[in-house]
Amino acid sequence: MIQVEKRYPWFGIILILFGTALLLHKMNVIDVKFSQILWVFLSVLGFSIAIKGFLRKQNGKIFLGSFLFLFSILFILRSFGLQHIEYDIIPPAIFFIIGFSFLMMYLNKLKEYIFLILAVCFLIIGGAFVLVELGYIYRWDVLDAIRHYWPIVLIAVGLGMLFKRRSINP
């Protein structure tokens, strides 16, 4: 006998909730903007993709879901007025989001050091650019440091590959 996996139509439920919120807004029952509904929808979608990736051990889904979830949270904070976020801070925030997405992939497979190395690199670059946008350091200092020290990334990736090989072949 063939076992059929029961799947719950989450996407359909999300569409119903999304449509209901838009309809209630059009009828002046609730006061929300389309962007607020969209970012909440995308954050729920990203979270569900990431969870599905963790359950199935699929790094691609973990990265995509984490990125979509965190990016949506950034715009939820902005659209609901919970945090004043200027558009200048979004590019550095993307480095942070990519770094955290790689960190989630590393947490899924702890022996994949390459994901940890990439996470740290993106988080450091994102942090440096956030400090530039906040006026603590100069943009040219960061770009000059990247221009001079980018080979460190190659060295770190190579070390990650060696440690991975060593942990596989004791």
Protein backbone atom coordinates (compact mmCIF):
# COMPACT_ATOMS: atom_id res chain seq x y z
CA MET A 1 0.00 0.00 0.00
CA ILE A 2 1.29 3.45 -0.87
CA GLN A 3 1.49 5.94 1.97
CA VAL A 4 0.32 9.41 1.01
CA GLU A 5 1.87 12.23 2.99
CA LYS A 6 -0.79 14.47 4.47
CA ARG A 7 0.03 18.04 3.64
CA TYR A 8 -1.77 20.99 5.10
CA PRO A 9 -2.43 23.80 2.60
CA TRP A 10 -0.54 26.52 4.49
CA PHE A 11 -0.10 28.66 1.43
CA GLY A 12 -3.86 28.65 0.86
CA ILE A 13 -4.50 29.65 4.47
CA ILE A 14 -1.97 32.49 4.19
CA LEU A 15 -3.65 33.72 1.00
CA ILE A 16 -7.05 33.67 2.72
CA LEU A 17 -5.69 35.68 5.66
CA PHE A 18 -3.91 38.10 3.33
CA GLY A 19 -7.04 38.62 1.23
CA THR A 20 -9.23 39.01 4.33
CA ALA A 21 -6.93 41.69 5.75
CA LEU A 22 -6.96 43.57 2.44
CA LEU A 23 -10.76 43.32 2.21
CA LEU A 24 -11.21 44.56 5.78
CA HIS A 25 -8.89 47.45 4.98
CA LYS A 26 -10.93 48.32 1.86
CA MET A 27 -14.11 48.24 3.98
CA ASN A 28 -12.45 50.59 6.55
CA VAL A 29 -12.75 47.99 9.31
CA ILE A 30 -9.01 47.90 10.01
CA ASP A 31 -6.35 50.46 9.22
CA VAL A 32 -3.33 48.75 7.72
CA LYS A 33 -1.24 49.47 4.69
CA PHE A 34 -0.60 47.01 1.90
CA SER A 35 3.13 47.06 2.67
CA GLN A 36 2.48 46.05 6.28
CA ILE A 37 0.43 43.06 5.18
CA LEU A 38 2.96 42.14 2.50
CA TRP A 39 5.94 42.16 4.87
CA VAL A 40 4.10 40.10 7.49
CA PHE A 41 3.11 37.64 4.76
CA LEU A 42 6.71 37.39 3.50
CA SER A 43 8.09 36.94 7.02
CA VAL A 44 5.69 34.06 7.70
CA LEU A 45 6.56 32.54 4.32
CA GLY A 46 10.31 32.88 5.00
CA PHE A 47 9.95 31.38 8.47
CA SER A 48 8.02 28.40 7.11
CA ILE A 49 10.60 27.83 4.34
CA ALA A 50 13.43 27.94 6.89
CA ILE A 51 11.68 25.50 9.24
CA LYS A 52 10.99 23.15 6.34
CA GLY A 53 14.68 23.40 5.38
CA PHE A 54 15.77 22.51 8.92
CA LEU A 55 13.38 19.56 9.06
CA ARG A 56 14.55 18.21 5.70
CA LYS A 57 18.23 19.20 6.16
CA GLN A 58 18.15 21.36 3.00
CA ASN A 59 20.63 24.21 3.24
CA GLY A 60 19.22 26.06 0.23
CA LYS A 61 15.81 26.36 1.87
CA ILE A 62 17.39 27.33 5.18
CA PHE A 63 19.34 30.15 3.52
CA LEU A 64 16.39 31.39 1.45
CA GLY A 65 13.92 31.16 4.32
CA SER A 66 16.26 32.86 6.80
CA PHE A 67 17.07 35.63 4.34
CA LEU A 68 13.42 36.25 3.49
CA PHE A 69 12.36 36.15 7.15
CA LEU A 70 15.06 38.55 8.39
CA PHE A 71 14.68 40.92 5.43
CA SER A 72 10.93 41.04 6.05
CA ILE A 73 11.45 41.71 9.76
CA LEU A 74 13.60 44.72 8.82
CA PHE A 75 10.73 46.17 6.79
CA ILE A 76 8.11 45.21 9.37
CA LEU A 77 9.99 47.30 11.92
CA ARG A 78 10.06 50.15 9.43
CA SER A 79 6.48 49.94 8.10
CA PHE A 80 4.84 49.62 11.51
CA GLY A 81 6.95 52.50 12.84
CA LEU A 82 8.55 50.35 15.53
CA GLN A 83 12.03 51.46 14.49
CA HIS A 84 13.08 54.43 12.40
CA ILE A 85 15.15 52.87 9.63
CA GLU A 86 16.61 55.01 6.87
CA TYR A 87 17.14 53.55 3.42
CA ASP A 88 20.91 54.14 3.82
CA ILE A 89 21.10 51.41 6.44
CA ILE A 90 19.46 48.75 4.25
CA PRO A 91 22.56 47.77 2.18
CA PRO A 92 24.68 47.15 5.31
CA ALA A 93 21.74 45.31 6.86
CA ILE A 94 21.71 42.98 3.86
CA PHE A 95 25.28 41.94 4.74
CA PHE A 96 24.07 41.14 8.27
CA ILE A 97 21.10 39.20 6.91
CA ILE A 98 23.32 37.17 4.58
CA GLY A 99 25.70 36.53 7.49
CA PHE A 100 22.89 35.30 9.74
CA SER A 101 21.54 33.13 6.90
CA PHE A 102 24.94 31.45 6.54
CA LEU A 103 25.02 31.05 10.32
CA MET A 104 21.68 29.21 10.17
CA MET A 105 23.13 26.90 7.50
CA TYR A 106 26.12 26.24 9.79
CA LEU A 107 23.80 25.42 12.69
CA ASN A 108 22.09 22.88 10.44
CA LYS A 109 25.40 21.13 9.66
CA LEU A 110 27.97 21.90 12.34
CA LYS A 111 30.81 20.24 10.42
CA GLU A 112 30.43 22.63 7.50
CA TYR A 113 32.93 25.24 8.71
CA ILE A 114 32.72 27.09 5.42
CA PHE A 115 29.28 28.40 6.40
CA LEU A 116 30.62 29.68 9.71
CA ILE A 117 33.52 31.41 7.97
CA LEU A 118 31.21 33.04 5.43
CA ALA A 119 28.84 34.07 8.22
CA VAL A 120 31.62 35.76 10.18
CA CYS A 121 32.93 37.53 7.06
CA PHE A 122 29.51 38.91 6.12
CA LEU A 123 28.75 39.93 9.70
CA ILE A 124 32.06 41.79 10.01
CA ILE A 125 31.58 43.59 6.69
CA GLY A 126 27.99 44.43 7.61
CA GLY A 127 29.10 45.72 10.99
CA ALA A 128 31.78 47.89 9.42
CA PHE A 129 29.32 49.43 6.97
CA VAL A 130 26.76 50.02 9.72
CA LEU A 131 29.47 51.89 11.65
CA VAL A 132 30.12 53.93 8.48
CA GLU A 133 26.44 54.81 8.15
CA LEU A 134 26.28 55.80 11.82
CA GLY A 135 29.32 58.03 11.36
CA TYR A 136 31.77 56.21 13.63
CA ILE A 137 34.29 55.36 10.91
CA TYR A 138 34.96 56.59 7.38
CA ARG A 139 33.76 54.69 4.32
CA TRP A 140 37.19 54.95 2.69
CA ASP A 141 38.84 53.30 5.69
CA VAL A 142 36.53 50.31 5.36
CA LEU A 143 37.01 50.06 1.59
CA ASP A 144 40.77 50.38 2.01
CA ALA A 145 40.80 47.62 4.66
CA ILE A 146 38.73 45.35 2.39
CA ARG A 147 41.05 46.08 -0.52
CA HIS A 148 44.12 45.16 1.51
CA TYR A 149 42.87 42.28 3.64
CA TRP A 150 40.45 40.40 1.39
CA PRO A 151 42.94 37.48 0.97
CA ILE A 152 42.22 36.61 4.61
CA VAL A 153 38.86 35.32 3.39
CA LEU A 154 40.63 32.95 0.99
CA ILE A 155 42.88 31.72 3.78
CA ALA A 156 39.89 31.19 6.11
CA VAL A 157 37.93 29.31 3.44
CA GLY A 158 40.97 27.11 2.74
CA LEU A 159 41.37 26.37 6.46
CA GLY A 160 37.67 25.53 6.65
CA MET A 161 38.10 23.05 3.81
CA LEU A 162 41.10 21.46 5.54
CA PHE A 163 39.25 21.12 8.85
CA LYS A 164 36.25 19.63 7.06
CA ARG A 165 38.46 17.07 5.33
CA ARG A 166 40.25 16.27 8.60
CA SER A 167 36.95 15.70 10.45
CA ILE A 168 35.73 13.37 7.69
CA ASN A 169 38.99 11.35 7.46
CA PRO A 170 40.40 10.90 10.98
